[in-house]
Structure formats: C-alpha cells, structure tokens
Amino acid sequence: QVQLVESGGGLVQPGGSLRLSCAESGLPFSEAIITWHRQDLGKAREWIATSWPGGATIYDTSVKGRFTTSRDDAKNTVYLQLNNLKPEDTAVYYCHEAGSMTWGQGTLVTVSS
C-alpha cells in the first residue's frame, strides 16, 4: 500500500520561502511519479508540478520560476521549494503518486503579512 506523508507548511510573509516534503513508502521510489497540487478554499484543486523518476520536472505557468521540485532517492522523499511566495499562493498543498492514485494528507501554506 502506497503512503504519502507531507510536511513543511506554515505561515509566511509575501516574498518568503517554504519547503514542502512528501515522503513516499510502499512503492519502489524509482517508479514513483509525484505530482503536486493545491486547493484554496472554495476552489477546485489544481495541478502545479510533476516530478518523474530520474529528475525530469514540469510546472504550471503560475508557479514556474518560483517553485522547484526535487527528489532525494536516499530518503524516498520529494520536495517542493516555494520561493517568492504571494498571497494568492495560499492553499492546502497536496502531493500525489500518479500510478497508485494515492494522495498525501495535505499541508496548509498561508502567505500573509
């Protein structure tokens, strides 16, 4: 059974940074395709980035150049580095494993002064 455990959310001022973590278990990490999504209150969940085994990545235009996803194979963990945060980035952030359709529990990011 695939499990994803997220951490790293919190309150940050505009222009600040956070790093989210998504620890995966139950699937060989070399097979895990991890996607990142976010959902603001009252809005649909939206895709923002994908991390493929081997390190290839792709981003939505709303976060490209500000957010970076990376993998640590030794820790079975995928990271999402959030830089230059804006109030409109406020949302619950989720990681997702595409093959097993497993979701993490979500972590809240609040960008406010």
N, C-alpha and C. Protein backbone atom coordinates (compact mmCIF):
# COMPACT_ATOMS: atom_id res chain seq x y z
N GLN A 1 0.84 -1.18 0.00
CA GLN A 1 0.00 0.00 0.00
C GLN A 1 0.89 1.24 0.00
N VAL A 2 0.65 2.10 -0.97
CA VAL A 2 1.43 3.32 -1.09
C VAL A 2 0.93 4.34 -0.08
N GLN A 3 1.86 5.00 0.59
CA GLN A 3 1.52 6.07 1.51
C GLN A 3 2.39 7.29 1.21
N LEU A 4 1.79 8.45 1.36
CA LEU A 4 2.49 9.72 1.19
C LEU A 4 2.26 10.55 2.44
N VAL A 5 3.34 11.04 3.03
CA VAL A 5 3.24 11.87 4.24
C VAL A 5 3.89 13.20 3.95
N GLU A 6 3.10 14.25 4.10
CA GLU A 6 3.57 15.59 3.79
C GLU A 6 3.92 16.36 5.04
N SER A 7 4.84 17.32 4.88
CA SER A 7 5.17 18.22 5.96
C SER A 7 5.74 19.51 5.37
N GLY A 8 5.83 20.53 6.21
CA GLY A 8 6.54 21.74 5.82
C GLY A 8 5.70 22.98 5.60
N GLY A 9 4.38 22.88 5.70
CA GLY A 9 3.57 24.07 5.50
C GLY A 9 3.69 25.03 6.68
N GLY A 10 3.06 26.20 6.53
CA GLY A 10 3.08 27.17 7.61
C GLY A 10 2.69 28.54 7.13
N LEU A 11 2.91 29.52 7.98
CA LEU A 11 2.61 30.92 7.70
C LEU A 11 3.89 31.63 7.30
N VAL A 12 3.83 32.34 6.19
CA VAL A 12 5.00 33.06 5.71
C VAL A 12 4.56 34.39 5.13
N GLN A 13 5.43 35.37 5.21
CA GLN A 13 5.12 36.69 4.64
C GLN A 13 5.31 36.69 3.13
N PRO A 14 4.63 37.59 2.43
CA PRO A 14 4.86 37.71 0.98
C PRO A 14 6.34 37.90 0.68
N GLY A 15 6.79 37.20 -0.36
CA GLY A 15 8.20 37.23 -0.71
C GLY A 15 9.03 36.17 -0.02
N GLY A 16 8.45 35.50 0.95
CA GLY A 16 9.17 34.48 1.70
C GLY A 16 9.21 33.13 1.00
N SER A 17 9.80 32.16 1.71
CA SER A 17 10.00 30.83 1.14
C SER A 17 9.59 29.75 2.14
N LEU A 18 9.22 28.60 1.59
CA LEU A 18 8.95 27.40 2.37
C LEU A 18 9.42 26.21 1.56
N ARG A 19 9.69 25.11 2.25
CA ARG A 19 9.97 23.86 1.57
C ARG A 19 9.02 22.78 2.07
N LEU A 20 8.28 22.21 1.16
CA LEU A 20 7.36 21.12 1.49
C LEU A 20 8.04 19.79 1.20
N SER A 21 7.72 18.79 2.01
CA SER A 21 8.26 17.44 1.82
C SER A 21 7.13 16.45 1.62
N CYS A 22 7.39 15.45 0.81
CA CYS A 22 6.44 14.37 0.56
C CYS A 22 7.22 13.06 0.63
N ALA A 23 7.07 12.35 1.75
CA ALA A 23 7.77 11.09 1.96
C ALA A 23 6.92 9.94 1.48
N GLU A 24 7.48 9.11 0.61
CA GLU A 24 6.72 8.02 -0.03
C GLU A 24 7.15 6.67 0.53
N SER A 25 6.21 5.78 0.73
CA SER A 25 6.51 4.40 1.11
C SER A 25 5.53 3.49 0.42
N GLY A 26 5.94 2.21 0.26
CA GLY A 26 5.07 1.21 -0.33
C GLY A 26 5.27 0.98 -1.81
N LEU A 27 6.10 1.77 -2.44
CA LEU A 27 6.36 1.64 -3.88
C LEU A 27 7.84 1.91 -4.08
N PRO A 28 8.52 1.13 -4.92
CA PRO A 28 9.92 1.48 -5.21
C PRO A 28 10.00 2.94 -5.67
N PHE A 29 10.82 3.71 -4.99
CA PHE A 29 10.84 5.16 -5.25
C PHE A 29 11.21 5.45 -6.70
N SER A 30 11.97 4.55 -7.31
CA SER A 30 12.38 4.73 -8.71
C SER A 30 11.20 4.64 -9.66
N GLU A 31 10.05 4.19 -9.18
CA GLU A 31 8.85 4.10 -10.01
C GLU A 31 7.84 5.20 -9.69
N ALA A 32 8.09 5.98 -8.67
CA ALA A 32 7.09 6.93 -8.19
C ALA A 32 7.08 8.21 -9.04
N ILE A 33 5.94 8.49 -9.63
CA ILE A 33 5.71 9.75 -10.34
C ILE A 33 4.89 10.62 -9.39
N ILE A 34 5.51 11.67 -8.90
CA ILE A 34 4.88 12.52 -7.89
C ILE A 34 4.40 13.82 -8.53
N THR A 35 3.14 14.11 -8.35
CA THR A 35 2.59 15.38 -8.79
C THR A 35 2.22 16.22 -7.58
N TRP A 36 2.32 17.51 -7.73
CA TRP A 36 1.95 18.46 -6.68
C TRP A 36 0.70 19.22 -7.13
N HIS A 37 -0.18 19.44 -6.17
CA HIS A 37 -1.43 20.15 -6.43
C HIS A 37 -1.70 21.09 -5.27
N ARG A 38 -2.60 22.02 -5.48
CA ARG A 38 -3.01 22.88 -4.37
C ARG A 38 -4.49 23.20 -4.52
N GLN A 39 -5.08 23.52 -3.38
CA GLN A 39 -6.51 23.83 -3.37
C GLN A 39 -6.78 24.93 -2.35
N ASP A 40 -7.30 26.03 -2.86
CA ASP A 40 -7.69 27.14 -2.00
C ASP A 40 -9.15 26.94 -1.62
N LEU A 41 -9.56 27.57 -0.53
CA LEU A 41 -10.92 27.42 -0.04
C LEU A 41 -11.93 27.82 -1.10
N GLY A 42 -12.87 26.94 -1.40
CA GLY A 42 -13.92 27.23 -2.37
C GLY A 42 -13.52 27.09 -3.82
N LYS A 43 -12.30 26.63 -4.05
CA LYS A 43 -11.83 26.50 -5.43
C LYS A 43 -11.49 25.04 -5.73
N ALA A 44 -11.38 24.75 -7.02
CA ALA A 44 -11.01 23.40 -7.42
C ALA A 44 -9.53 23.15 -7.16
N ARG A 45 -9.20 21.88 -6.92
CA ARG A 45 -7.80 21.52 -6.76
C ARG A 45 -7.11 21.67 -8.11
N GLU A 46 -5.91 22.25 -8.12
CA GLU A 46 -5.20 22.49 -9.36
C GLU A 46 -3.81 21.87 -9.32
N TRP A 47 -3.40 21.33 -10.45
CA TRP A 47 -2.06 20.77 -10.60
C TRP A 47 -1.05 21.90 -10.73
N ILE A 48 0.13 21.74 -10.10
CA ILE A 48 1.15 22.77 -10.23
C ILE A 48 2.51 22.23 -10.68
N ALA A 49 2.80 20.94 -10.44
CA ALA A 49 4.12 20.44 -10.84
C ALA A 49 4.12 18.91 -10.86
N THR A 50 5.04 18.35 -11.64
CA THR A 50 5.25 16.90 -11.69
C THR A 50 6.73 16.60 -11.60
N SER A 51 7.05 15.55 -10.85
CA SER A 51 8.42 15.06 -10.72
C SER A 51 8.46 13.60 -11.16
N TRP A 52 9.26 13.33 -12.20
CA TRP A 52 9.40 11.96 -12.70
C TRP A 52 10.66 11.31 -12.13
N PRO A 53 10.65 9.98 -12.03
CA PRO A 53 11.89 9.29 -11.68
C PRO A 53 12.99 9.69 -12.65
N GLY A 54 14.16 9.93 -12.11
CA GLY A 54 15.26 10.40 -12.94
C GLY A 54 15.43 11.90 -12.87
N GLY A 55 14.42 12.61 -12.37
CA GLY A 55 14.58 14.03 -12.10
C GLY A 55 13.90 14.99 -13.04
N ALA A 56 13.30 14.52 -14.10
CA ALA A 56 12.60 15.45 -15.00
C ALA A 56 11.43 16.09 -14.27
N THR A 57 11.16 17.35 -14.61
CA THR A 57 10.09 18.11 -13.95
C THR A 57 9.34 18.96 -14.97
N ILE A 58 8.14 19.33 -14.59
CA ILE A 58 7.36 20.26 -15.38
C ILE A 58 6.48 21.05 -14.42
N TYR A 59 6.20 22.32 -14.77
CA TYR A 59 5.48 23.22 -13.87
C TYR A 59 4.36 23.94 -14.60
N ASP A 60 3.33 24.27 -13.84
CA ASP A 60 2.30 25.16 -14.34
C ASP A 60 2.89 26.57 -14.45
N THR A 61 2.37 27.35 -15.38
CA THR A 61 2.89 28.69 -15.60
C THR A 61 2.73 29.59 -14.37
N SER A 62 1.75 29.29 -13.52
CA SER A 62 1.51 30.14 -12.35
C SER A 62 2.64 30.05 -11.32
N VAL A 63 3.43 28.97 -11.37
CA VAL A 63 4.48 28.78 -10.37
C VAL A 63 5.87 28.65 -11.00
N LYS A 64 5.93 28.51 -12.32
CA LYS A 64 7.22 28.30 -12.98
C LYS A 64 8.15 29.48 -12.69
N GLY A 65 9.38 29.15 -12.31
CA GLY A 65 10.36 30.17 -11.97
C GLY A 65 10.37 30.52 -10.50
N ARG A 66 9.32 30.14 -9.76
CA ARG A 66 9.26 30.41 -8.32
C ARG A 66 9.31 29.13 -7.50
N PHE A 67 8.70 28.07 -8.01
CA PHE A 67 8.65 26.79 -7.30
C PHE A 67 9.56 25.78 -8.00
N THR A 68 10.20 24.93 -7.20
CA THR A 68 11.08 23.90 -7.74
C THR A 68 10.83 22.59 -7.01
N THR A 69 10.65 21.52 -7.75
CA THR A 69 10.50 20.21 -7.13
C THR A 69 11.77 19.39 -7.38
N SER A 70 12.17 18.63 -6.35
CA SER A 70 13.37 17.81 -6.44
C SER A 70 13.14 16.52 -5.68
N ARG A 71 14.04 15.54 -5.90
CA ARG A 71 13.90 14.23 -5.29
C ARG A 71 15.16 13.86 -4.54
N ASP A 72 14.99 13.20 -3.41
CA ASP A 72 16.10 12.60 -2.66
C ASP A 72 15.83 11.10 -2.63
N ASP A 73 16.53 10.38 -3.50
CA ASP A 73 16.29 8.94 -3.61
C ASP A 73 16.66 8.19 -2.32
N ALA A 74 17.64 8.68 -1.59
CA ALA A 74 18.06 8.01 -0.36
C ALA A 74 16.99 8.11 0.72
N LYS A 75 16.17 9.14 0.64
CA LYS A 75 15.14 9.35 1.67
C LYS A 75 13.74 9.05 1.16
N ASN A 76 13.61 8.59 -0.08
CA ASN A 76 12.29 8.35 -0.67
C ASN A 76 11.38 9.57 -0.51
N THR A 77 11.94 10.72 -0.76
CA THR A 77 11.22 11.97 -0.49
C THR A 77 11.32 12.90 -1.69
N VAL A 78 10.21 13.54 -1.98
CA VAL A 78 10.17 14.59 -2.99
C VAL A 78 9.90 15.92 -2.28
N TYR A 79 10.58 16.95 -2.72
CA TYR A 79 10.45 18.27 -2.11
C TYR A 79 9.83 19.25 -3.10
N LEU A 80 9.13 20.23 -2.57
CA LEU A 80 8.65 21.36 -3.35
C LEU A 80 9.13 22.63 -2.66
N GLN A 81 10.09 23.29 -3.29
CA GLN A 81 10.61 24.55 -2.77
C GLN A 81 9.76 25.69 -3.30
N LEU A 82 9.20 26.47 -2.40
CA LEU A 82 8.33 27.58 -2.75
C LEU A 82 9.06 28.87 -2.45
N ASN A 83 9.40 29.63 -3.47
CA ASN A 83 10.09 30.91 -3.31
C ASN A 83 9.23 32.06 -3.79
N ASN A 84 9.57 33.26 -3.31
CA ASN A 84 8.85 34.47 -3.72
C ASN A 84 7.34 34.28 -3.60
N LEU A 85 6.91 33.83 -2.45
CA LEU A 85 5.51 33.50 -2.26
C LEU A 85 4.62 34.74 -2.30
N LYS A 86 3.43 34.55 -2.83
CA LYS A 86 2.44 35.61 -2.96
C LYS A 86 1.18 35.23 -2.19
N PRO A 87 0.38 36.20 -1.79
CA PRO A 87 -0.86 35.87 -1.07
C PRO A 87 -1.74 34.89 -1.85
N GLU A 88 -1.73 34.97 -3.16
CA GLU A 88 -2.55 34.07 -3.97
C GLU A 88 -2.02 32.64 -3.99
N ASP A 89 -0.85 32.40 -3.42
CA ASP A 89 -0.33 31.04 -3.27
C ASP A 89 -0.92 30.34 -2.04
N THR A 90 -1.66 31.07 -1.23
CA THR A 90 -2.28 30.47 -0.05
C THR A 90 -3.22 29.35 -0.46
N ALA A 91 -3.00 28.16 0.11
CA ALA A 91 -3.78 26.97 -0.26
C ALA A 91 -3.31 25.79 0.59
N VAL A 92 -4.07 24.72 0.52
CA VAL A 92 -3.59 23.43 1.01
C VAL A 92 -2.86 22.76 -0.14
N TYR A 93 -1.64 22.34 0.11
CA TYR A 93 -0.81 21.72 -0.91
C TYR A 93 -0.79 20.19 -0.70
N TYR A 94 -0.96 19.48 -1.81
CA TYR A 94 -1.02 18.02 -1.77
C TYR A 94 0.02 17.43 -2.70
N CYS A 95 0.62 16.31 -2.29
CA CYS A 95 1.37 15.51 -3.24
C CYS A 95 0.52 14.28 -3.60
N HIS A 96 0.84 13.70 -4.74
CA HIS A 96 0.03 12.63 -5.32
C HIS A 96 0.94 11.71 -6.09
N GLU A 97 0.74 10.40 -5.95
CA GLU A 97 1.52 9.45 -6.73
C GLU A 97 0.63 8.98 -7.87
N ALA A 98 1.09 9.23 -9.10
CA ALA A 98 0.22 9.08 -10.26
C ALA A 98 -0.17 7.63 -10.54
N GLY A 99 0.76 6.70 -10.35
CA GLY A 99 0.46 5.31 -10.69
C GLY A 99 -0.56 4.67 -9.77
N SER A 100 -0.41 4.94 -8.47
CA SER A 100 -1.30 4.34 -7.48
C SER A 100 -2.50 5.22 -7.15
N MET A 101 -2.50 6.45 -7.66
CA MET A 101 -3.57 7.42 -7.38
C MET A 101 -3.70 7.68 -5.88
N THR A 102 -2.58 7.72 -5.19
CA THR A 102 -2.56 7.97 -3.75
C THR A 102 -2.30 9.44 -3.49
N TRP A 103 -3.04 10.00 -2.52
CA TRP A 103 -2.86 11.40 -2.13
C TRP A 103 -2.22 11.48 -0.75
N GLY A 104 -1.39 12.51 -0.56
CA GLY A 104 -0.95 12.85 0.77
C GLY A 104 -2.07 13.54 1.52
N GLN A 105 -1.81 13.81 2.81
CA GLN A 105 -2.87 14.37 3.66
C GLN A 105 -3.04 15.87 3.47
N GLY A 106 -2.10 16.50 2.80
CA GLY A 106 -2.17 17.94 2.58
C GLY A 106 -1.47 18.72 3.68
N THR A 107 -0.93 19.87 3.29
CA THR A 107 -0.29 20.77 4.26
C THR A 107 -0.64 22.19 3.87
N LEU A 108 -1.03 22.99 4.87
CA LEU A 108 -1.52 24.34 4.62
C LEU A 108 -0.37 25.33 4.53
N VAL A 109 -0.41 26.10 3.45
CA VAL A 109 0.52 27.22 3.26
C VAL A 109 -0.29 28.50 3.28
N THR A 110 0.06 29.40 4.17
CA THR A 110 -0.62 30.70 4.27
C THR A 110 0.39 31.79 4.05
N VAL A 111 0.12 32.65 3.06
CA VAL A 111 1.01 33.75 2.74
C VAL A 111 0.29 35.05 3.10
N SER A 112 0.78 35.69 4.14
CA SER A 112 0.09 36.88 4.65
C SER A 112 1.06 37.72 5.44
N SER A 113 0.84 39.04 5.38
CA SER A 113 1.64 39.95 6.20
C SER A 113 0.94 40.26 7.51
